[in-house]
Protein backbone atom coordinates (compact mmCIF):
# COMPACT_ATOMS: atom_id res chain seq x y z
CA MET A 1 114.54 84.94 82.17
CA SER A 2 114.73 88.62 81.83
CA LYS A 3 112.12 90.97 83.25
CA LYS A 4 110.59 93.56 81.03
CA GLN A 5 110.37 96.93 82.72
CA SER A 6 107.98 99.51 81.44
CA GLN A 7 107.89 103.14 82.35
CA ILE A 8 104.79 105.10 83.00
CA LEU A 9 104.90 108.86 82.60
CA LEU A 10 103.05 110.65 85.40
CA ASN A 11 101.69 114.13 85.28
CA GLU A 12 102.22 116.54 88.25
CA LYS A 13 98.86 115.67 89.94
CA GLU A 14 99.63 111.94 89.76
CA LYS A 15 103.08 112.52 91.30
CA ASN A 16 101.47 114.56 94.10
CA LEU A 17 98.94 111.78 94.67
CA ILE A 18 101.67 109.14 95.06
CA GLU A 19 103.61 111.34 97.42
CA LEU A 20 100.45 111.88 99.52
CA ILE A 21 99.72 108.12 99.66
CA ARG A 22 103.27 107.38 100.72
CA SER A 23 103.21 109.99 103.43
CA THR A 24 99.94 108.76 104.88
CA GLU A 25 100.76 106.51 107.84
CA TYR A 26 97.26 105.11 108.22
CA GLY A 27 93.69 105.95 107.42
CA GLU A 28 91.45 106.21 104.40
CA ILE A 29 91.45 108.58 101.45
CA ARG A 30 88.93 109.09 98.66
CA ILE A 31 90.29 110.07 95.27
CA VAL A 32 88.13 112.12 92.91
CA ILE A 33 89.02 111.62 89.24
CA GLN A 34 87.89 113.57 86.17
CA ASN A 35 88.99 112.82 82.63
CA ALA A 36 91.34 110.11 83.93
CA ILE A 37 93.19 112.67 86.09
CA PRO A 38 93.06 112.79 89.90
CA ILE A 39 91.75 116.21 90.85
CA ARG A 40 91.08 115.93 94.55
CA VAL A 41 91.83 113.73 97.52
CA GLU A 42 89.57 113.64 100.57
CA GLU A 43 90.94 112.31 103.83
CA ILE A 44 88.31 110.44 105.81
CA LYS A 45 88.55 112.08 109.29
CA LYS A 46 85.87 110.34 111.25
CA SER A 47 84.35 106.89 111.25
CA ILE A 48 82.03 105.70 114.00
CA LYS A 49 81.52 101.97 114.44
CA LEU A 50 78.50 101.05 116.50
């Protein structure tokens, strides 16, 4: 069996998003998307569990 490989073309913001995700060691991020393009990433800094 041969695997089919497909390529996805990324725009600059998508490349930056992937780099940010890979550089994040742990935590949570929120991604804001408009018109199918990531425009902002918010790092969740504080979470309080009671």
